Amino acid sequence: MQERETWSSRVGFILAAVGSAVGLGNIWQFPFQAANNGGAAFLVVYLAAVFVIGFPALLAEFVVGRNTEQNPVDAFREYAGRSWTVVGALGVLAGFWILSFYSVVGGWVLRYLGGSLSGAYFADPSGYFASIASGVDALALHLVFMLVVVGIVALGVEDGIELGTKVMVPSIVLLLVGLGAWATTLEGAATGYQFYLSPDVDTLVANLPSVLPSAVGQAFFTLSLGMGAMVTYSSYLGEDDSLPADGATIVVLNTLVGVLAGLVVFPVLAAEGLSMETAGMGAVFESMAAAFATLPAGRVLGLVFFLVLLLAALSSAISLLEVVVSYVVDNTSYDRKPLAAAAGAGIFVLGVPSAFGINALSWYNAVAYNLLLPLGGLGIAVAVGWTRPARSTTELRRGSGASQAAALVWLWALRTVVVLALTVTLVLGVKSLLVKAAVVESSVLSSMPVVVALAAAIAVALVAGARTVGSDPSDGARLAGHGDD
């Protein structure tokens, strides 16, 4: 078994964690979730969910990860007992599942980068999206995106993940700020701001039962909760770092990016006279492409926007693959590089159906959103809040200077508010999933056992056949200056 790596600095950890959280969920998924759930009404509930539910749940994952210094599966076994191993395993499964369709969307982004340079989507934005969203081209770009992600994760924690996100995260924020400033100059943008920033209280109250699960699910998706990523990242963290301070920084930066994305998308849609209430999975691509096609310097603006989207996609994708890779690295003597390749191959195969139809991709997304994430989050909240309360509060206070009273407030919020909210979200989510299953193509559902089995078999075969690469004993050692920022 290899000695585990660590972050070279506290800033590196924060940027990596923000990079995990700041992804397509913020820029691709957040706008269409907001559009389909009342705009400003969704924003209000989402912000409440992030800080009241997401923040305590994020600290719970940090507590388990740092305390055990292990991957999600082994971490929950050690932290709460052998019967809780399933919670960690569910996180690894969620990471594997989400990245399989996330990579397909990442392939769309790569295609739109090229389309921005050539102006290929200017003549018919909707037709362009329909032509590239599924089929052989989508499959090929799914493969290219996965190869890039595998390459970054194969380099390791400091040289790969930390170095990459130190470049990606600041770039995402700066580019979004610039695009948001540009959007304020557009004629007709005021309608978009009103839709996004002026909630109707009566509408909010009337639609709360449908808005609440969407907002809670979005909070978990955008914070990378319930999928093992934050347990994995915090397992490389030093004991002197303040978990509450780091968690608050991550939540604020992540939320800022999501809000900024809305401040770009909705004013542009309004300025172009495009619908804001009926957005779908391709809404950001089709709508922003339509806007860029009619604007001065549209190719440059399109290139900048889709570059932001690509950076966001990569920063989250590498965290999802790291969840899978870290489990095997911690339990074998295999080198990280062949393990990353094996996991990437299995994930690529699992995502093949998503590359051949939007309906299949929508089904994959719904399974993650309505089932895997709330179920995983609920298991984490119960394990941390109820099975080892003293261990949880002690770990939270370590390195932070937080009082016992503050730690108890967090603990009881986790035990009550988070558990109740996620239970409600899970029940409503399963109901929604059953409704969706009734309309999804039977071919998608019937092919899933074969696809899942094939993906697992390929990953296992590659791991079994991988040659252990000998390395210098210092290669994986914990690095000097850990947590000194």
Protein backbone atom coordinates (compact mmCIF):
# COMPACT_ATOMS: atom_id res chain seq x y z
CA MET A 1 0.00 0.00 0.00
CA GLN A 2 1.34 3.41 -0.96
CA GLU A 3 1.83 6.24 1.53
CA ARG A 4 -0.80 8.87 0.86
CA GLU A 5 -0.11 12.22 -0.71
CA THR A 6 -1.29 15.53 0.71
CA TRP A 7 -1.93 19.11 -0.31
CA SER A 8 1.14 21.32 -0.40
CA SER A 9 -0.83 24.21 1.12
CA ARG A 10 -4.16 25.20 2.58
CA VAL A 11 -4.83 27.43 -0.43
CA GLY A 12 -4.25 24.43 -2.69
CA PHE A 13 -6.89 22.43 -0.81
CA ILE A 14 -9.43 25.27 -0.87
CA LEU A 15 -8.99 25.87 -4.59
CA ALA A 16 -9.19 22.14 -5.34
CA ALA A 17 -12.36 21.80 -3.26
CA VAL A 18 -13.87 24.89 -4.88
CA GLY A 19 -12.86 23.45 -8.24
CA SER A 20 -14.71 20.25 -7.38
CA ALA A 21 -17.80 22.23 -6.41
CA VAL A 22 -17.58 24.79 -9.22
CA GLY A 23 -18.48 22.78 -12.26
CA LEU A 24 -21.12 22.20 -14.88
CA GLY A 25 -23.66 22.09 -12.06
CA ASN A 26 -23.13 25.82 -11.58
CA ILE A 27 -22.98 27.00 -15.18
CA TRP A 28 -24.79 24.32 -17.18
CA GLN A 29 -27.33 22.93 -14.71
CA PHE A 30 -27.99 25.86 -12.35
CA PRO A 31 -29.53 28.17 -14.99
CA PHE A 32 -31.99 25.61 -16.35
CA GLN A 33 -32.92 24.46 -12.84
CA ALA A 34 -33.60 28.09 -11.91
CA ALA A 35 -35.53 28.68 -15.12
CA ASN A 36 -37.74 25.62 -14.63
CA ASN A 37 -38.46 26.48 -10.99
CA GLY A 38 -39.46 30.11 -11.08
CA GLY A 39 -36.17 31.98 -11.45
CA ALA A 40 -35.83 34.19 -8.37
CA ALA A 41 -38.02 31.85 -6.29
CA PHE A 42 -35.57 29.03 -6.94
CA LEU A 43 -32.61 31.29 -6.17
CA VAL A 44 -34.02 32.15 -2.71
CA VAL A 45 -34.64 28.52 -1.75
CA TYR A 46 -31.32 27.41 -3.24
CA LEU A 47 -29.35 29.97 -1.21
CA ALA A 48 -31.14 28.87 1.95
CA ALA A 49 -30.45 25.21 1.14
CA VAL A 50 -26.74 25.88 0.54
CA PHE A 51 -26.15 27.56 3.87
CA VAL A 52 -28.65 25.75 6.12
CA ILE A 53 -28.23 22.22 4.71
CA GLY A 54 -25.21 22.18 2.43
CA PHE A 55 -22.73 23.84 4.79
CA PRO A 56 -23.33 21.46 7.76
CA ALA A 57 -23.22 18.48 5.39
CA LEU A 58 -19.96 19.71 3.87
CA LEU A 59 -18.38 19.94 7.34
CA ALA A 60 -19.56 16.38 8.05
CA GLU A 61 -17.66 15.10 5.01
CA PHE A 62 -14.60 17.11 6.03
CA VAL A 63 -14.71 15.65 9.54
CA VAL A 64 -14.76 12.06 8.28
CA GLY A 65 -12.10 12.62 5.64
CA ARG A 66 -9.54 14.39 7.79
CA ASN A 67 -10.11 12.25 10.85
CA THR A 68 -9.54 8.96 9.02
CA GLU A 69 -7.19 10.09 6.21
CA GLN A 70 -8.74 7.45 3.98
CA ASN A 71 -10.88 7.07 0.88
CA PRO A 72 -14.69 7.18 1.41
CA VAL A 73 -15.20 3.41 1.71
CA ASP A 74 -12.47 2.81 4.30
CA ALA A 75 -13.17 6.15 6.00
CA PHE A 76 -16.74 5.27 6.97
CA ARG A 77 -15.72 1.76 7.99
CA GLU A 78 -13.21 3.20 10.45
CA TYR A 79 -15.29 6.18 11.53
CA ALA A 80 -18.70 4.65 12.18
CA GLY A 81 -18.24 0.88 11.96
CA ARG A 82 -18.21 -1.85 9.32
CA SER A 83 -21.95 -1.60 8.63
CA TRP A 84 -21.46 2.00 7.49
CA THR A 85 -19.06 1.01 4.72
CA VAL A 86 -22.04 1.15 2.36
CA VAL A 87 -22.20 4.94 2.78
CA GLY A 88 -18.67 5.33 1.45
CA ALA A 89 -19.30 2.79 -1.29
CA LEU A 90 -22.36 4.77 -2.36
CA GLY A 91 -20.14 7.86 -2.71
CA VAL A 92 -17.71 5.98 -4.97
CA LEU A 93 -20.64 4.66 -7.03
CA ALA A 94 -22.11 8.15 -7.33
CA GLY A 95 -18.78 9.56 -8.52
CA PHE A 96 -18.45 6.77 -11.10
CA TRP A 97 -22.04 7.25 -12.29
CA ILE A 98 -22.04 11.05 -12.47
CA LEU A 99 -18.76 11.32 -14.34
CA SER A 100 -20.04 8.89 -16.99
CA PHE A 101 -22.62 11.40 -18.27
CA TYR A 102 -20.78 14.51 -17.08
CA SER A 103 -18.03 13.61 -19.52
CA VAL A 104 -20.51 13.59 -22.41
CA VAL A 105 -21.51 17.17 -21.55
CA GLY A 106 -17.81 18.01 -21.30
CA GLY A 107 -17.52 16.75 -24.87
CA TRP A 108 -20.27 19.17 -25.92
CA VAL A 109 -18.23 22.00 -24.44
CA LEU A 110 -15.17 20.96 -26.44
CA ARG A 111 -17.28 20.97 -29.60
CA TYR A 112 -18.64 24.45 -28.84
CA LEU A 113 -15.14 25.79 -28.31
CA GLY A 114 -14.32 24.76 -31.85
CA GLY A 115 -17.68 26.04 -33.05
CA SER A 116 -16.95 29.45 -31.54
CA LEU A 117 -13.66 29.72 -33.39
CA SER A 118 -15.21 28.74 -36.73
CA GLY A 119 -18.65 30.31 -36.23
CA ALA A 120 -20.19 26.92 -37.04
CA TYR A 121 -23.24 27.39 -34.80
CA PHE A 122 -24.09 30.95 -35.91
CA ALA A 123 -26.42 30.06 -38.76
CA ASP A 124 -28.66 27.63 -36.81
CA PRO A 125 -27.86 27.42 -33.06
CA SER A 126 -30.67 24.98 -32.21
CA GLY A 127 -29.92 22.76 -35.18
CA TYR A 128 -26.23 22.79 -34.32
CA PHE A 129 -26.87 21.55 -30.80
CA ALA A 130 -29.18 18.81 -32.06
CA SER A 131 -26.51 17.68 -34.49
CA ILE A 132 -23.67 17.43 -31.95
CA ALA A 133 -25.47 16.40 -28.73
CA SER A 134 -25.65 12.71 -29.62
CA GLY A 135 -24.12 10.26 -32.04
CA VAL A 136 -20.62 9.21 -33.05
CA ASP A 137 -19.19 12.73 -32.71
CA ALA A 138 -20.55 13.03 -29.17
CA LEU A 139 -19.02 9.63 -28.35
CA ALA A 140 -15.63 10.68 -29.71
CA LEU A 141 -15.57 13.90 -27.70
CA HIS A 142 -16.74 12.00 -24.61
CA LEU A 143 -13.56 9.93 -25.06
CA VAL A 144 -11.34 12.99 -25.55
CA PHE A 145 -12.70 14.65 -22.41
CA MET A 146 -12.17 11.50 -20.34
CA LEU A 147 -8.58 11.19 -21.60
CA VAL A 148 -7.83 14.73 -20.40
CA VAL A 149 -9.37 14.03 -16.97
CA VAL A 150 -7.46 10.74 -16.63
CA GLY A 151 -4.22 12.52 -17.51
CA ILE A 152 -4.66 15.14 -14.79
CA VAL A 153 -5.63 12.65 -12.06
CA ALA A 154 -2.78 10.29 -13.06
CA LEU A 155 -0.29 13.03 -12.16
CA GLY A 156 -1.42 12.90 -8.51
CA VAL A 157 -2.61 15.30 -5.83
CA GLU A 158 0.00 18.06 -5.89
CA ASP A 159 1.32 17.85 -9.47
CA GLY A 160 -2.05 17.13 -11.06
CA ILE A 161 -5.19 18.10 -9.16
CA GLU A 162 -3.78 20.96 -7.05
CA LEU A 163 -1.74 22.53 -9.85
CA GLY A 164 -4.62 22.30 -12.33
CA THR A 165 -7.23 23.85 -10.06
CA LYS A 166 -4.91 26.69 -9.02
CA VAL A 167 -5.14 27.81 -12.64
CA MET A 168 -8.75 26.84 -13.36
CA VAL A 169 -10.65 28.32 -10.40
CA PRO A 170 -9.35 31.92 -10.53
CA SER A 171 -9.82 31.85 -14.30
CA ILE A 172 -13.45 30.77 -13.95
CA VAL A 173 -14.25 33.60 -11.51
CA LEU A 174 -12.46 36.28 -13.54
CA LEU A 175 -14.06 35.24 -16.82
CA LEU A 176 -17.55 35.13 -15.30
CA VAL A 177 -17.11 38.56 -13.72
CA GLY A 178 -16.07 39.93 -17.10
CA LEU A 179 -19.03 38.34 -18.89
CA GLY A 180 -21.39 39.54 -16.16
CA ALA A 181 -20.14 43.12 -16.56
CA TRP A 182 -20.62 42.86 -20.33
CA ALA A 183 -24.19 41.56 -19.86
CA THR A 184 -25.18 44.75 -18.01
CA THR A 185 -24.64 46.72 -21.22
CA LEU A 186 -27.20 44.75 -23.24
CA GLU A 187 -30.48 46.37 -24.20
CA GLY A 188 -33.39 44.46 -22.68
CA ALA A 189 -31.25 42.81 -19.98
CA ALA A 190 -33.47 44.29 -17.24
CA THR A 191 -36.14 41.67 -17.89
CA GLY A 192 -33.60 38.92 -17.23
CA TYR A 193 -32.48 40.54 -13.98
CA GLN A 194 -36.08 40.85 -12.84
CA PHE A 195 -36.80 37.18 -13.56
CA TYR A 196 -33.65 36.10 -11.73
CA LEU A 197 -33.46 38.54 -8.82
CA SER A 198 -37.04 39.61 -7.94
CA PRO A 199 -38.87 36.75 -6.21
CA ASP A 200 -42.65 36.67 -6.02
CA VAL A 201 -43.50 35.58 -2.48
CA ASP A 202 -46.91 34.17 -3.39
CA THR A 203 -45.42 32.13 -6.23
CA LEU A 204 -42.64 30.92 -3.96
CA VAL A 205 -45.05 29.69 -1.27
CA ALA A 206 -47.38 28.07 -3.78
CA ASN A 207 -44.58 26.15 -5.53
CA LEU A 208 -42.41 25.35 -2.50
CA PRO A 209 -43.13 21.57 -2.57
CA SER A 210 -41.69 21.32 -6.09
CA VAL A 211 -38.98 23.96 -5.71
CA LEU A 212 -37.57 22.58 -2.43
CA PRO A 213 -36.30 19.18 -3.66
CA SER A 214 -34.85 20.78 -6.78
CA ALA A 215 -33.05 23.42 -4.72
CA VAL A 216 -31.70 20.95 -2.17
CA GLY A 217 -30.57 18.59 -4.91
CA GLN A 218 -28.90 21.46 -6.72
CA ALA A 219 -27.14 22.53 -3.52
CA PHE A 220 -25.69 19.02 -3.09
CA PHE A 221 -24.80 18.71 -6.75
CA THR A 222 -22.96 22.03 -6.91
CA LEU A 223 -21.12 21.46 -3.61
CA SER A 224 -20.05 17.95 -4.69
CA LEU A 225 -21.74 16.43 -1.64
CA GLY A 226 -22.91 12.84 -1.34
CA MET A 227 -20.45 11.64 -3.98
CA GLY A 228 -17.32 11.08 -1.87
CA ALA A 229 -15.34 13.97 -3.37
CA MET A 230 -15.13 16.09 -0.24
CA VAL A 231 -14.32 13.11 1.98
CA THR A 232 -11.50 12.25 -0.41
CA TYR A 233 -10.11 15.78 -0.69
CA SER A 234 -10.24 16.42 3.06
CA SER A 235 -8.40 13.14 3.69
CA TYR A 236 -5.30 14.87 2.31
CA LEU A 237 -5.76 17.80 4.73
CA GLY A 238 -3.58 18.69 7.72
CA GLU A 239 -4.75 18.65 11.33
CA ASP A 240 -4.04 22.36 11.87
CA ASP A 241 -6.45 23.59 9.19
CA SER A 242 -9.78 25.07 10.30
CA LEU A 243 -12.59 23.00 8.82
CA PRO A 244 -15.31 25.64 9.47
CA ALA A 245 -13.23 28.43 7.93
CA ASP A 246 -12.26 26.36 4.90
CA GLY A 247 -15.82 25.10 4.49
CA ALA A 248 -17.28 28.60 4.65
CA THR A 249 -14.79 29.83 2.05
CA ILE A 250 -15.66 26.97 -0.28
CA VAL A 251 -19.42 27.47 0.11
CA VAL A 252 -19.22 31.23 -0.50
CA LEU A 253 -16.96 30.94 -3.57
CA ASN A 254 -19.04 28.12 -5.05
CA THR A 255 -22.30 30.00 -4.51
CA LEU A 256 -20.77 33.15 -5.99
CA VAL A 257 -19.96 31.29 -9.21
CA GLY A 258 -23.50 29.92 -9.49
CA VAL A 259 -25.04 33.35 -8.94
CA LEU A 260 -22.61 34.89 -11.44
CA ALA A 261 -23.61 32.29 -14.02
CA GLY A 262 -27.23 33.40 -13.68
CA LEU A 263 -26.17 37.03 -14.00
CA VAL A 264 -24.64 36.14 -17.36
CA VAL A 265 -27.22 33.73 -18.80
CA PHE A 266 -30.55 35.39 -17.95
CA PRO A 267 -29.72 38.96 -19.10
CA VAL A 268 -28.41 37.55 -22.39
CA LEU A 269 -31.54 35.44 -22.89
CA ALA A 270 -33.76 38.45 -22.18
CA ALA A 271 -31.74 40.72 -24.47
CA GLU A 272 -32.16 38.23 -27.31
CA GLY A 273 -35.86 37.70 -26.62
CA LEU A 274 -35.36 34.02 -25.83
CA SER A 275 -37.46 31.98 -23.38
CA MET A 276 -36.29 31.84 -19.77
CA GLU A 277 -39.09 29.64 -18.41
CA THR A 278 -38.77 26.56 -20.63
CA ALA A 279 -35.03 25.88 -20.56
CA GLY A 280 -33.83 22.30 -21.00
CA MET A 281 -30.51 20.49 -20.85
CA GLY A 282 -29.29 22.21 -23.98
CA ALA A 283 -30.54 25.65 -22.93
CA VAL A 284 -27.18 27.18 -22.06
CA PHE A 285 -25.65 25.88 -25.28
CA GLU A 286 -28.50 26.82 -27.61
CA SER A 287 -29.42 30.13 -25.99
CA MET A 288 -25.90 31.45 -25.48
CA ALA A 289 -24.95 30.34 -28.98
CA ALA A 290 -27.97 32.17 -30.40
CA ALA A 291 -26.93 35.29 -28.51
CA PHE A 292 -23.31 35.13 -29.64
CA ALA A 293 -24.42 34.61 -33.24
CA THR A 294 -26.05 38.07 -33.29
CA LEU A 295 -23.64 40.06 -31.14
CA PRO A 296 -20.56 42.04 -32.16
CA ALA A 297 -17.38 40.04 -31.54
CA GLY A 298 -19.62 37.00 -31.03
CA ARG A 299 -16.86 34.53 -31.84
CA VAL A 300 -14.59 36.00 -29.17
CA LEU A 301 -17.36 36.19 -26.57
CA GLY A 302 -18.43 32.61 -27.37
CA LEU A 303 -14.88 31.40 -27.06
CA VAL A 304 -14.53 33.04 -23.63
CA PHE A 305 -17.85 31.69 -22.34
CA PHE A 306 -17.25 28.11 -23.43
CA LEU A 307 -13.70 28.28 -22.10
CA VAL A 308 -15.22 29.08 -18.69
CA LEU A 309 -17.54 26.11 -19.10
CA LEU A 310 -14.65 23.81 -20.02
CA LEU A 311 -12.57 24.87 -17.00
CA ALA A 312 -15.58 24.32 -14.74
CA ALA A 313 -16.23 20.88 -16.24
CA LEU A 314 -12.63 19.75 -15.83
CA SER A 315 -12.27 20.99 -12.25
CA SER A 316 -15.26 18.92 -11.14
CA ALA A 317 -14.52 15.91 -13.31
CA ILE A 318 -11.06 15.38 -11.83
CA SER A 319 -12.54 15.31 -8.31
CA LEU A 320 -15.05 12.64 -9.33
CA LEU A 321 -12.38 10.43 -10.85
CA GLU A 322 -10.15 10.95 -7.81
CA VAL A 323 -12.87 9.46 -5.59
CA VAL A 324 -12.73 6.22 -7.55
CA VAL A 325 -8.94 6.14 -7.92
CA SER A 326 -8.18 6.95 -4.27
CA TYR A 327 -10.08 3.88 -3.08
CA VAL A 328 -7.91 1.48 -5.07
CA VAL A 329 -4.69 3.43 -4.40
CA ASP A 330 -5.33 3.15 -0.66
CA ASN A 331 -5.91 -0.60 -0.80
CA THR A 332 -3.34 -1.88 -3.31
CA SER A 333 0.26 -1.34 -4.33
CA TYR A 334 -0.75 -0.43 -7.88
CA ASP A 335 0.53 2.82 -9.32
CA ARG A 336 -1.89 5.71 -9.70
CA LYS A 337 -1.45 6.00 -13.49
CA PRO A 338 -2.81 2.57 -14.56
CA LEU A 339 -5.55 2.85 -11.95
CA ALA A 340 -6.68 6.21 -13.33
CA ALA A 341 -6.68 4.71 -16.84
CA ALA A 342 -8.69 1.68 -15.70
CA ALA A 343 -11.31 3.75 -13.90
CA GLY A 344 -11.52 6.15 -16.84
CA ALA A 345 -12.12 3.26 -19.25
CA GLY A 346 -14.95 1.89 -17.14
CA ILE A 347 -16.54 5.32 -16.77
CA PHE A 348 -16.28 5.94 -20.50
CA VAL A 349 -18.13 2.70 -21.29
CA LEU A 350 -20.82 3.44 -18.70
CA GLY A 351 -21.43 6.79 -20.37
CA VAL A 352 -21.85 5.43 -23.90
CA PRO A 353 -25.70 5.43 -23.78
CA SER A 354 -25.63 9.12 -22.74
CA ALA A 355 -23.64 9.93 -25.85
CA PHE A 356 -26.37 8.48 -28.08
CA GLY A 357 -29.42 10.31 -26.76
CA ILE A 358 -30.47 13.30 -24.64
CA ASN A 359 -33.19 11.19 -23.04
CA ALA A 360 -30.63 8.69 -21.79
CA LEU A 361 -28.44 11.48 -20.44
CA SER A 362 -31.47 12.98 -18.71
CA TRP A 363 -32.16 9.62 -17.09
CA TYR A 364 -28.58 9.31 -15.84
CA ASN A 365 -28.82 12.84 -14.41
CA ALA A 366 -32.13 12.09 -12.72
CA VAL A 367 -30.77 8.96 -11.03
CA ALA A 368 -27.88 10.97 -9.60
CA TYR A 369 -29.94 14.01 -8.68
CA ASN A 370 -33.00 12.31 -7.19
CA LEU A 371 -31.51 9.13 -5.72
CA LEU A 372 -27.74 8.79 -5.31
CA LEU A 373 -26.87 12.24 -3.94
CA PRO A 374 -29.67 12.66 -1.36
CA LEU A 375 -29.30 9.03 -0.25
CA GLY A 376 -25.54 9.41 0.16
CA GLY A 377 -25.94 12.73 1.96
CA LEU A 378 -28.51 11.25 4.32
CA GLY A 379 -26.19 8.37 5.19
CA ILE A 380 -23.32 10.78 5.90
CA ALA A 381 -25.48 13.01 8.12
CA VAL A 382 -26.70 10.06 10.21
CA ALA A 383 -23.25 8.46 10.46
CA VAL A 384 -21.50 11.64 11.56
CA GLY A 385 -24.33 13.11 13.63
CA TRP A 386 -25.54 10.06 15.52
CA THR A 387 -22.98 7.25 15.61
CA ARG A 388 -19.87 9.13 16.82
CA PRO A 389 -21.02 12.52 18.18
CA ALA A 390 -18.05 13.14 20.49
CA ARG A 391 -15.55 12.19 17.81
CA SER A 392 -17.34 14.46 15.35
CA THR A 393 -17.35 17.58 17.52
CA THR A 394 -13.73 17.02 18.60
CA GLU A 395 -12.58 16.76 14.99
CA LEU A 396 -14.56 19.83 13.95
CA ARG A 397 -12.93 21.91 16.70
CA ARG A 398 -9.41 20.72 15.95
CA GLY A 399 -7.40 23.50 14.34
CA SER A 400 -10.35 25.93 14.32
CA GLY A 401 -10.61 27.25 17.87
CA ALA A 402 -14.38 26.71 17.72
CA SER A 403 -16.14 26.41 21.06
CA GLN A 404 -17.90 23.26 22.21
CA ALA A 405 -21.20 25.16 22.05
CA ALA A 406 -20.63 26.04 18.38
CA ALA A 407 -19.71 22.44 17.61
CA LEU A 408 -22.93 21.24 19.26
CA VAL A 409 -25.01 23.68 17.22
CA TRP A 410 -23.49 22.17 14.07
CA LEU A 411 -24.04 18.63 15.35
CA TRP A 412 -27.72 19.17 16.10
CA ALA A 413 -28.28 20.96 12.80
CA LEU A 414 -26.82 17.89 11.11
CA ARG A 415 -28.93 15.52 13.19
CA THR A 416 -32.24 17.33 12.65
CA VAL A 417 -32.44 19.93 9.87
CA VAL A 418 -30.14 18.15 7.42
CA VAL A 419 -31.57 14.68 8.05
CA LEU A 420 -35.17 15.90 7.74
CA ALA A 421 -34.52 17.95 4.61
CA LEU A 422 -32.70 15.12 2.87
CA THR A 423 -35.37 12.59 3.83
CA VAL A 424 -38.05 14.79 2.26
CA THR A 425 -35.85 15.41 -0.78
CA LEU A 426 -35.21 11.69 -1.21
CA VAL A 427 -38.91 10.77 -1.00
CA LEU A 428 -39.91 13.45 -3.51
CA GLY A 429 -36.94 12.58 -5.70
CA VAL A 430 -37.82 8.89 -5.90
CA LYS A 431 -41.39 9.81 -6.85
CA SER A 432 -40.05 12.02 -9.63
CA LEU A 433 -37.70 9.27 -10.78
CA LEU A 434 -40.56 6.78 -11.04
CA VAL A 435 -42.53 9.24 -13.17
CA LYS A 436 -39.51 9.76 -15.42
CA ALA A 437 -38.96 6.01 -15.73
CA ALA A 438 -42.44 5.72 -17.22
CA VAL A 439 -41.52 7.95 -20.17
CA VAL A 440 -37.85 7.13 -20.79
CA GLU A 441 -37.16 4.82 -23.71
CA SER A 442 -37.37 1.17 -22.75
CA SER A 443 -34.15 0.56 -24.67
CA VAL A 444 -32.25 2.79 -22.26
CA LEU A 445 -33.54 1.00 -19.17
CA SER A 446 -33.18 -2.49 -20.61
CA SER A 447 -29.59 -1.86 -21.69
CA MET A 448 -28.44 -0.53 -18.31
CA PRO A 449 -27.55 -3.88 -16.64
CA VAL A 450 -25.39 -4.84 -19.63
CA VAL A 451 -23.66 -1.45 -19.81
CA VAL A 452 -22.98 -1.33 -16.07
CA ALA A 453 -21.62 -4.89 -16.04
CA LEU A 454 -19.40 -4.19 -19.06
CA ALA A 455 -18.03 -0.97 -17.54
CA ALA A 456 -17.21 -2.73 -14.27
CA ALA A 457 -15.63 -5.70 -16.07
CA ILE A 458 -13.37 -3.45 -18.15
CA ALA A 459 -12.21 -1.46 -15.13
CA VAL A 460 -11.55 -4.61 -13.07
CA ALA A 461 -9.71 -6.32 -15.95
CA LEU A 462 -7.46 -3.31 -16.48
CA VAL A 463 -6.67 -3.05 -12.77
CA ALA A 464 -5.91 -6.76 -12.58
CA GLY A 465 -3.62 -6.53 -15.57
CA ALA A 466 -1.88 -3.34 -14.54
CA ARG A 467 1.81 -3.65 -13.78
CA THR A 468 2.77 -2.19 -10.43
CA VAL A 469 5.20 0.59 -11.13
CA GLY A 470 8.02 0.83 -8.65
CA SER A 471 8.54 4.30 -7.30
CA ASP A 472 10.93 6.11 -5.05
CA PRO A 473 9.78 5.83 -1.41
CA SER A 474 9.56 9.58 -1.21
CA ASP A 475 7.23 9.90 -4.19
CA GLY A 476 4.02 9.53 -2.22
CA ALA A 477 5.23 10.90 1.06
CA ARG A 478 3.51 13.71 2.81
CA LEU A 479 5.02 16.97 1.69
CA ALA A 480 6.89 19.55 3.70
CA GLY A 481 5.12 22.75 4.58
CA HIS A 482 1.76 21.00 4.83
CA GLY A 483 -0.98 23.42 5.81
CA ASP A 484 1.40 26.29 6.38
CA ASP A 485 -0.45 28.93 4.37
